[in-house]
C-alpha atoms as a PDB file:
ATOM      1  CA  MET A   1      45.130  -3.089  29.364  1.00  0.00           C
ATOM      2  CA  ALA A   2      47.406  -6.154  28.906  1.00  0.00           C
ATOM      3  CA  THR A   3      46.811  -6.218  25.213  1.00  0.00           C
ATOM      4  CA  SER A   4      47.723  -2.530  24.899  1.00  0.00           C
ATOM      5  CA  VAL A   5      51.030  -3.004  26.748  1.00  0.00           C
ATOM      6  CA  TYR A   6      51.853  -6.030  24.490  1.00  0.00           C
ATOM      7  CA  ILE A   7      51.146  -4.238  21.335  1.00  0.00           C
ATOM      8  CA  GLY A   8      52.942  -1.130  22.406  1.00  0.00           C
ATOM      9  CA  HIS A   9      56.038  -3.146  23.089  1.00  0.00           C
ATOM     10  CA  LEU A  10      55.733  -4.813  19.754  1.00  0.00           C
ATOM     11  CA  GLU A  11      55.316  -1.435  18.068  1.00  0.00           C
ATOM     12  CA  GLU A  12      58.557  -0.064  19.826  1.00  0.00           C
ATOM     13  CA  ALA A  13      60.588  -2.985  18.859  1.00  0.00           C
ATOM     14  CA  PHE A  14      60.312  -2.189  15.015  1.00  0.00           C
ATOM     15  CA  PRO A  15      60.803   1.030  13.090  1.00  0.00           C
ATOM     16  CA  ASP A  16      57.698   0.469  11.108  1.00  0.00           C
ATOM     17  CA  ALA A  17      54.880  -1.929  10.525  1.00  0.00           C
ATOM     18  CA  ALA A  18      56.430  -3.435   7.422  1.00  0.00           C
ATOM     19  CA  GLU A  19      59.390  -4.591   9.348  1.00  0.00           C
ATOM     20  CA  LEU A  20      57.219  -6.100  12.004  1.00  0.00           C
ATOM     21  CA  ILE A  21      55.269  -7.992   9.320  1.00  0.00           C
ATOM     22  CA  GLU A  22      58.357  -9.038   7.570  1.00  0.00           C
ATOM     23  CA  CYS A  23      59.973 -10.599  10.978  1.00  0.00           C
ATOM     24  CA  TYR A  24      56.653 -12.144  11.859  1.00  0.00           C
ATOM     25  CA  THR A  25      56.317 -13.745   8.485  1.00  0.00           C
ATOM     26  CA  ALA A  26      59.824 -14.947   8.550  1.00  0.00           C
ATOM     27  CA  TRP A  27      59.178 -16.516  11.886  1.00  0.00           C
ATOM     28  CA  GLN A  28      55.925 -18.281  10.530  1.00  0.00           C
ATOM     29  CA  GLN A  29      57.934 -19.486   7.687  1.00  0.00           C
ATOM     30  CA  GLU A  30      60.449 -20.965   9.932  1.00  0.00           C
ATOM     31  CA  GLU A  31      57.797 -22.839  11.685  1.00  0.00           C
ATOM     32  CA  ARG A  32      56.712 -24.514   8.592  1.00  0.00           C
ATOM     33  CA  PRO A  33      57.915 -28.162   7.988  1.00  0.00           C
ATOM     34  CA  THR A  34      59.287 -27.000   4.525  1.00  0.00           C
ATOM     35  CA  ARG A  35      61.302 -23.899   4.255  1.00  0.00           C
ATOM     36  CA  ASP A  36      61.630 -23.517   0.419  1.00  0.00           C
ATOM     37  CA  GLY A  37      63.435 -20.152  -0.201  1.00  0.00           C
ATOM     38  CA  TYR A  38      64.225 -19.645   3.521  1.00  0.00           C
ATOM     39  CA  SER A  39      67.604 -17.574   3.949  1.00  0.00           C
ATOM     40  CA  TYR A  40      69.944 -16.439   6.655  1.00  0.00           C
ATOM     41  CA  ALA A  41      68.327 -13.072   6.392  1.00  0.00           C
ATOM     42  CA  ASP A  42      64.957 -14.623   7.103  1.00  0.00           C
ATOM     43  CA  SER A  43      66.589 -16.409  10.109  1.00  0.00           C
ATOM     44  CA  ASP A  44      67.814 -13.070  11.436  1.00  0.00           C
ATOM     45  CA  ARG A  45      64.173 -11.757  10.971  1.00  0.00           C
ATOM     46  CA  SER A  46      62.590 -14.608  12.637  1.00  0.00           C
ATOM     47  CA  LEU A  47      65.081 -14.220  15.672  1.00  0.00           C
ATOM     48  CA  ARG A  48      64.098 -10.411  15.962  1.00  0.00           C
ATOM     49  CA  TRP A  49      60.380 -11.276  16.030  1.00  0.00           C
ATOM     50  CA  GLN A  50      60.925 -14.006  18.668  1.00  0.00           C
ATOM     51  CA  LYS A  51      62.948 -11.616  20.842  1.00  0.00           C
ATOM     52  CA  ALA A  52      60.291  -8.709  20.397  1.00  0.00           C
ATOM     53  CA  HIS A  53      57.476 -11.111  21.122  1.00  0.00           C
ATOM     54  CA  ALA A  54      59.067 -12.476  24.319  1.00  0.00           C
ATOM     55  CA  ALA A  55      59.845  -8.862  25.522  1.00  0.00           C
ATOM     56  CA  ALA A  56      56.280  -7.672  24.699  1.00  0.00           C
ATOM     57  CA  GLU A  57      54.647 -10.904  26.400  1.00  0.00           C
ATOM     58  CA  GLY A  58      56.664 -10.281  29.496  1.00  0.00           C
ATOM     59  CA  ALA A  59      55.702  -6.714  29.733  1.00  0.00           C
ATOM     60  CA  GLY A  60      52.058  -7.452  28.971  1.00  0.00           C
ATOM     61  CA  ARG A  61      51.944 -10.477  31.378  1.00  0.00           C
ATOM     62  CA  ALA A  62      52.179  -8.220  34.373  1.00  0.00           C
ATOM     63  CA  TRP A  63      48.803  -6.939  33.410  1.00  0.00           C
ATOM     64  CA  LEU A  64      47.106 -10.149  33.117  1.00  0.00           C
ATOM     65  CA  SER A  65      44.521 -11.466  35.760  1.00  0.00           C
ATOM     66  CA  ASN A  66      46.078 -14.808  35.692  1.00  0.00           C
ATOM     67  CA  PRO A  67      49.475 -14.570  34.119  1.00  0.00           C
ATOM     68  CA  LEU A  68      50.441 -18.338  34.682  1.00  0.00           C
ATOM     69  CA  GLN A  69      47.536 -19.494  32.667  1.00  0.00           C
ATOM     70  CA  GLN A  70      47.223 -16.868  29.886  1.00  0.00           C
ATOM     71  CA  THR A  71      49.395 -16.158  26.952  1.00  0.00           C
ATOM     72  CA  PHE A  72      49.454 -13.615  24.042  1.00  0.00           C
ATOM     73  CA  GLN A  73      48.873 -14.717  20.508  1.00  0.00           C
ATOM     74  CA  PHE A  74      49.707 -12.420  17.541  1.00  0.00           C
ATOM     75  CA  ARG A  75      47.714 -12.868  14.389  1.00  0.00           C
ATOM     76  CA  LEU A  76      48.442 -11.287  11.159  1.00  0.00           C
ATOM     77  CA  HIS A  77      45.551 -11.069   8.857  1.00  0.00           C
ATOM     78  CA  GLU A  78      46.170 -11.592   5.038  1.00  0.00           C
ATOM     79  CA  GLY A  79      45.142  -7.983   4.154  1.00  0.00           C
ATOM     80  CA  ALA A  80      47.671  -6.620   6.778  1.00  0.00           C
ATOM     81  CA  ALA A  81      50.626  -7.590   4.501  1.00  0.00           C
ATOM     82  CA  THR A  82      49.880  -4.639   2.053  1.00  0.00           C
ATOM     83  CA  THR A  83      52.442  -2.145   3.591  1.00  0.00           C
ATOM     84  CA  GLY A  84      54.153  -1.168   0.322  1.00  0.00           C
ATOM     85  CA  ARG A  85      56.956  -3.848   0.761  1.00  0.00           C
ATOM     86  CA  SER A  86      56.976  -7.334  -0.804  1.00  0.00           C
ATOM     87  CA  VAL A  87      56.384  -9.800   2.126  1.00  0.00           C
ATOM     88  CA  PRO A  88      56.556 -13.484   1.277  1.00  0.00           C
ATOM     89  CA  ALA A  89      53.650 -15.539   2.043  1.00  0.00           C
END
């Protein structure tokens, strides 16, 4: 149940899967030691991801059996980035 709540909140935070992927990818890029080609738009996308993830995690945490010891980890598989938009790797 907790995972469904978490994913549902993420889905509600973005108008479509492509935007969710773009924001998550920007956050991943921001976390890397080198940020070649990173822009202010990427920074905004990263912040959107961070806010959406924090809100989704807060909502899902209430459904965890041990909320102080468990966390949510979102993973995007390579093939998931094929949404019709160009998403930087």
